[in-house]
C-alpha atoms as a PDB file:
ATOM      1  CA  MET A   1      21.394 -34.195  77.854  1.00  0.00           C
ATOM      2  CA  ALA A   2      21.052 -30.468  78.585  1.00  0.00           C
ATOM      3  CA  THR A   3      22.613 -31.390  82.162  1.00  0.00           C
ATOM      4  CA  GLY A   4      25.761 -33.159  81.021  1.00  0.00           C
ATOM      5  CA  SER A   5      26.472 -30.527  78.070  1.00  0.00           C
ATOM      6  CA  SER A   6      25.970 -27.430  80.745  1.00  0.00           C
ATOM      7  CA  PHE A   7      28.590 -29.352  82.783  1.00  0.00           C
ATOM      8  CA  ALA A   8      30.772 -29.611  80.081  1.00  0.00           C
ATOM      9  CA  ILE A   9      30.576 -26.108  79.029  1.00  0.00           C
ATOM     10  CA  LEU A  10      31.217 -25.565  83.000  1.00  0.00           C
ATOM     11  CA  GLY A  11      33.872 -27.359  82.774  1.00  0.00           C
ATOM     12  CA  GLU A  12      35.635 -25.718  79.705  1.00  0.00           C
ATOM     13  CA  ILE A  13      34.823 -21.872  81.208  1.00  0.00           C
ATOM     14  CA  THR A  14      36.138 -23.269  84.690  1.00  0.00           C
ATOM     15  CA  ALA A  15      39.306 -24.716  83.184  1.00  0.00           C
ATOM     16  CA  SER A  16      39.947 -21.532  80.774  1.00  0.00           C
ATOM     17  CA  TRP A  17      40.234 -19.732  84.378  1.00  0.00           C
ATOM     18  CA  ARG A  18      42.800 -21.766  85.784  1.00  0.00           C
ATOM     19  CA  LEU A  19      46.269 -19.975  85.539  1.00  0.00           C
ATOM     20  CA  PRO A  20      48.943 -21.828  83.120  1.00  0.00           C
ATOM     21  CA  PRO A  21      51.875 -23.717  85.068  1.00  0.00           C
ATOM     22  CA  SER A  22      54.180 -20.688  85.823  1.00  0.00           C
ATOM     23  CA  SER A  23      57.223 -19.347  87.627  1.00  0.00           C
ATOM     24  CA  PHE A  24      54.441 -18.409  90.612  1.00  0.00           C
ATOM     25  CA  THR A  25      54.629 -22.001  92.498  1.00  0.00           C
ATOM     26  CA  THR A  26      58.538 -22.247  91.732  1.00  0.00           C
ATOM     27  CA  THR A  27      59.070 -18.925  92.951  1.00  0.00           C
ATOM     28  CA  SER A  28      56.874 -19.101  95.893  1.00  0.00           C
ATOM     29  CA  THR A  29      58.636 -22.815  96.997  1.00  0.00           C
ATOM     30  CA  LEU A  30      62.235 -20.868  96.436  1.00  0.00           C
ATOM     31  CA  LEU A  31      60.673 -18.015  98.707  1.00  0.00           C
ATOM     32  CA  GLY A  32      59.902 -20.514 101.394  1.00  0.00           C
ATOM     33  CA  VAL A  33      62.683 -22.621 100.957  1.00  0.00           C
ATOM     34  CA  LEU A  34      65.046 -19.378 101.529  1.00  0.00           C
ATOM     35  CA  ALA A  35      62.882 -18.080 104.449  1.00  0.00           C
ATOM     36  CA  THR A  36      63.341 -21.321 105.924  1.00  0.00           C
ATOM     37  CA  ALA A  37      66.784 -21.619 105.398  1.00  0.00           C
ATOM     38  CA  GLY A  38      67.225 -17.939 106.709  1.00  0.00           C
ATOM     39  CA  GLY A  39      65.250 -18.401 109.439  1.00  0.00           C
ATOM     40  CA  ALA A  40      67.413 -21.832 110.427  1.00  0.00           C
ATOM     41  CA  MET A  41      70.883 -19.492 110.306  1.00  0.00           C
ATOM     42  CA  GLY A  42      69.303 -16.922 112.367  1.00  0.00           C
ATOM     43  CA  LEU A  43      68.810 -19.650 115.160  1.00  0.00           C
ATOM     44  CA  ALA A  44      72.187 -21.096 114.462  1.00  0.00           C
ATOM     45  CA  ALA A  45      73.223 -17.406 114.226  1.00  0.00           C
ATOM     46  CA  THR A  46      71.638 -16.512 117.991  1.00  0.00           C
ATOM     47  CA  ASN A  47      72.161 -19.723 119.352  1.00  0.00           C
ATOM     48  CA  PRO A  48      73.529 -18.761 123.038  1.00  0.00           C
ATOM     49  CA  GLY A  49      77.229 -20.150 123.604  1.00  0.00           C
ATOM     50  CA  PRO A  50      78.943 -20.820 127.004  1.00  0.00           C
ATOM     51  CA  VAL A  51      79.991 -17.544 128.123  1.00  0.00           C
ATOM     52  CA  GLU A  52      75.660 -16.712 127.503  1.00  0.00           C
ATOM     53  CA  PHE A  53      75.046 -20.080 129.806  1.00  0.00           C
ATOM     54  CA  GLN A  54      77.090 -19.020 132.631  1.00  0.00           C
ATOM     55  CA  GLU A  55      75.804 -15.544 132.936  1.00  0.00           C
ATOM     56  CA  PHE A  56      72.312 -17.313 132.861  1.00  0.00           C
ATOM     57  CA  ALA A  57      73.535 -20.101 135.110  1.00  0.00           C
ATOM     58  CA  ALA A  58      74.996 -17.202 137.493  1.00  0.00           C
ATOM     59  CA  ASP A  59      71.914 -15.458 138.037  1.00  0.00           C
ATOM     60  CA  GLN A  60      69.678 -18.655 138.425  1.00  0.00           C
ATOM     61  CA  LEU A  61      71.714 -20.226 141.042  1.00  0.00           C
ATOM     62  CA  THR A  62      71.899 -16.580 142.775  1.00  0.00           C
ATOM     63  CA  ARG A  63      68.456 -16.738 143.157  1.00  0.00           C
ATOM     64  CA  LEU A  64      67.937 -20.398 143.695  1.00  0.00           C
ATOM     65  CA  ILE A  65      70.434 -20.333 146.712  1.00  0.00           C
ATOM     66  CA  THR A  66      69.088 -16.996 148.397  1.00  0.00           C
ATOM     67  CA  GLU A  67      66.040 -18.918 148.163  1.00  0.00           C
ATOM     68  CA  GLU A  68      67.100 -21.849 149.563  1.00  0.00           C
ATOM     69  CA  ILE A  69      69.246 -20.677 152.536  1.00  0.00           C
ATOM     70  CA  CYS A  70      68.826 -17.377 153.463  1.00  0.00           C
ATOM     71  CA  HIS A  71      65.869 -17.584 155.362  1.00  0.00           C
ATOM     72  CA  GLU A  72      65.340 -18.672 158.862  1.00  0.00           C
ATOM     73  CA  ASP A  73      65.915 -22.494 158.874  1.00  0.00           C
ATOM     74  CA  GLY A  74      68.028 -22.426 156.114  1.00  0.00           C
ATOM     75  CA  LEU A  75      71.662 -22.172 157.978  1.00  0.00           C
ATOM     76  CA  PRO A  76      72.630 -23.946 160.613  1.00  0.00           C
ATOM     77  CA  LEU A  77      72.571 -21.649 163.501  1.00  0.00           C
ATOM     78  CA  MET A  78      76.470 -21.712 164.001  1.00  0.00           C
ATOM     79  CA  LEU A  79      76.596 -20.298 160.325  1.00  0.00           C
ATOM     80  CA  ARG A  80      73.851 -17.904 161.027  1.00  0.00           C
ATOM     81  CA  LEU A  81      75.412 -16.334 164.005  1.00  0.00           C
ATOM     82  CA  VAL A  82      78.788 -15.497 161.504  1.00  0.00           C
ATOM     83  CA  ILE A  83      77.032 -14.868 158.550  1.00  0.00           C
ATOM     84  CA  ARG A  84      74.817 -11.465 159.012  1.00  0.00           C
ATOM     85  CA  ASP A  85      73.821 -11.028 155.436  1.00  0.00           C
ATOM     86  CA  CYS A  86      72.730 -13.738 153.589  1.00  0.00           C
ATOM     87  CA  PRO A  87      71.527 -12.578 150.580  1.00  0.00           C
ATOM     88  CA  ALA A  88      74.726 -10.139 150.211  1.00  0.00           C
ATOM     89  CA  VAL A  89      77.042 -12.954 150.873  1.00  0.00           C
ATOM     90  CA  VAL A  90      75.313 -14.860 148.293  1.00  0.00           C
ATOM     91  CA  ALA A  91      75.616 -12.223 145.775  1.00  0.00           C
ATOM     92  CA  SER A  92      78.988 -11.636 146.290  1.00  0.00           C
ATOM     93  CA  GLN A  93      79.047 -14.815 144.894  1.00  0.00           C
ATOM     94  CA  ARG A  94      77.590 -15.151 141.775  1.00  0.00           C
ATOM     95  CA  GLN A  95      80.788 -15.154 139.128  1.00  0.00           C
ATOM     96  CA  VAL A  96      82.213 -18.127 140.952  1.00  0.00           C
ATOM     97  CA  LEU A  97      78.448 -19.771 140.935  1.00  0.00           C
ATOM     98  CA  GLY A  98      78.477 -19.365 137.272  1.00  0.00           C
ATOM     99  CA  ASN A  99      81.982 -20.366 136.612  1.00  0.00           C
ATOM    100  CA  LEU A 100      81.023 -23.889 139.060  1.00  0.00           C
ATOM    101  CA  ALA A 101      77.738 -24.225 136.690  1.00  0.00           C
ATOM    102  CA  LEU A 102      79.421 -24.117 133.686  1.00  0.00           C
ATOM    103  CA  GLU A 103      82.264 -26.402 135.000  1.00  0.00           C
ATOM    104  CA  HIS A 104      79.085 -29.001 135.973  1.00  0.00           C
ATOM    105  CA  SER A 105      77.360 -28.593 132.808  1.00  0.00           C
ATOM    106  CA  ARG A 106      77.553 -30.576 129.381  1.00  0.00           C
ATOM    107  CA  ARG A 107      76.598 -28.845 126.159  1.00  0.00           C
ATOM    108  CA  ARG A 108      74.774 -30.530 123.519  1.00  0.00           C
ATOM    109  CA  ASN A 109      75.134 -27.986 120.038  1.00  0.00           C
ATOM    110  CA  LEU A 110      72.490 -29.064 117.945  1.00  0.00           C
ATOM    111  CA  GLY A 111      73.219 -25.782 115.487  1.00  0.00           C
ATOM    112  CA  LEU A 112      69.592 -24.333 115.816  1.00  0.00           C
ATOM    113  CA  PHE A 113      69.655 -24.816 119.565  1.00  0.00           C
ATOM    114  CA  SER A 114      71.796 -26.285 122.545  1.00  0.00           C
ATOM    115  CA  LEU A 115      70.939 -27.778 125.832  1.00  0.00           C
ATOM    116  CA  TYR A 116      73.034 -27.493 128.602  1.00  0.00           C
ATOM    117  CA  SER A 117      72.315 -30.589 131.543  1.00  0.00           C
ATOM    118  CA  THR A 118      73.510 -29.225 134.859  1.00  0.00           C
ATOM    119  CA  GLU A 119      74.105 -31.299 138.229  1.00  0.00           C
ATOM    120  CA  LEU A 120      75.532 -29.108 140.710  1.00  0.00           C
ATOM    121  CA  GLY A 121      75.741 -30.023 145.076  1.00  0.00           C
ATOM    122  CA  GLY A 122      75.758 -33.060 147.354  1.00  0.00           C
ATOM    123  CA  GLU A 123      78.801 -32.215 148.874  1.00  0.00           C
ATOM    124  CA  ARG A 124      79.023 -32.349 152.697  1.00  0.00           C
ATOM    125  CA  ILE A 125      79.433 -28.789 154.291  1.00  0.00           C
ATOM    126  CA  LEU A 126      79.526 -29.928 157.958  1.00  0.00           C
ATOM    127  CA  PRO A 127      79.169 -33.168 160.047  1.00  0.00           C
ATOM    128  CA  ASN A 128      75.523 -32.898 159.671  1.00  0.00           C
ATOM    129  CA  TRP A 129      75.241 -30.539 156.743  1.00  0.00           C
ATOM    130  CA  SER A 130      75.460 -30.942 153.523  1.00  0.00           C
ATOM    131  CA  LEU A 131      74.192 -28.871 150.395  1.00  0.00           C
ATOM    132  CA  PRO A 132      71.098 -30.682 148.131  1.00  0.00           C
ATOM    133  CA  ARG A 133      71.877 -31.978 144.615  1.00  0.00           C
ATOM    134  CA  TYR A 134      70.498 -29.950 142.173  1.00  0.00           C
ATOM    135  CA  HIS A 135      69.536 -30.849 138.214  1.00  0.00           C
ATOM    136  CA  ALA A 136      68.887 -28.655 135.212  1.00  0.00           C
ATOM    137  CA  LEU A 137      67.733 -29.407 131.825  1.00  0.00           C
ATOM    138  CA  THR A 138      68.197 -25.805 129.824  1.00  0.00           C
ATOM    139  CA  LEU A 139      67.311 -24.945 126.686  1.00  0.00           C
ATOM    140  CA  ALA A 140      68.841 -22.466 124.762  1.00  0.00           C
ATOM    141  CA  ALA A 141      67.988 -20.746 121.253  1.00  0.00           C
ATOM    142  CA  ALA A 142      67.598 -17.748 120.006  1.00  0.00           C
ATOM    143  CA  GLY A 143      69.493 -15.999 122.383  1.00  0.00           C
ATOM    144  CA  ARG A 144      67.398 -16.895 125.820  1.00  0.00           C
ATOM    145  CA  PHE A 145      67.320 -19.572 127.702  1.00  0.00           C
ATOM    146  CA  VAL A 146      64.574 -21.867 129.140  1.00  0.00           C
ATOM    147  CA  LEU A 147      64.812 -23.985 132.192  1.00  0.00           C
ATOM    148  CA  LEU A 148      63.208 -27.509 130.729  1.00  0.00           C
ATOM    149  CA  ARG A 149      63.338 -29.401 133.912  1.00  0.00           C
ATOM    150  CA  THR A 150      64.584 -28.582 137.318  1.00  0.00           C
ATOM    151  CA  GLY A 151      65.031 -31.013 140.276  1.00  0.00           C
ATOM    152  CA  GLN A 152      66.467 -31.863 143.674  1.00  0.00           C
ATOM    153  CA  ASP A 153      68.115 -34.541 145.321  1.00  0.00           C
ATOM    154  CA  ASN A 154      68.124 -34.840 149.199  1.00  0.00           C
ATOM    155  CA  GLY A 155      69.225 -38.412 149.582  1.00  0.00           C
ATOM    156  CA  SER A 156      66.815 -40.877 148.692  1.00  0.00           C
ATOM    157  CA  ASN A 157      64.282 -38.609 147.971  1.00  0.00           C
ATOM    158  CA  ARG A 158      63.862 -36.407 144.545  1.00  0.00           C
ATOM    159  CA  ALA A 159      61.784 -33.677 144.122  1.00  0.00           C
ATOM    160  CA  GLU A 160      61.385 -32.588 140.014  1.00  0.00           C
ATOM    161  CA  ARG A 161      59.953 -29.403 138.756  1.00  0.00           C
ATOM    162  CA  PRO A 162      58.492 -29.212 135.255  1.00  0.00           C
END
């Protein structure tokens, strides 16, 4: 019985050390809710809009087109004879590329972040040469853009990049 009574005494001592219900738990819960709401409002306020997306897309397309077309086999011979500085020609069209991307994108604004779905290309330029079709899914949040999925469609074969 000595053991049973010592547990009872230990239980009373432990109970006396517990803090009585106080405003501490209510205050911490309230602070947590306020911090979460503040974070959500911060994300919503920094959710990039169409103008920022246009700038981002212009940079991405300028880089992509320069990589894809401005190498030795990227342009047909006839165009390579006419275009001497391919990267400069592409760079000079940066604003046009941004406008084009914005026109061919659909934005789903989810408040805290946005998703931009873009489909470009596929047009026939010369009888035996057409632009590849590109598609991208972009996440816009906290003032930044992240490409979630990109791909290229050359007719029937489709290449995806994570």
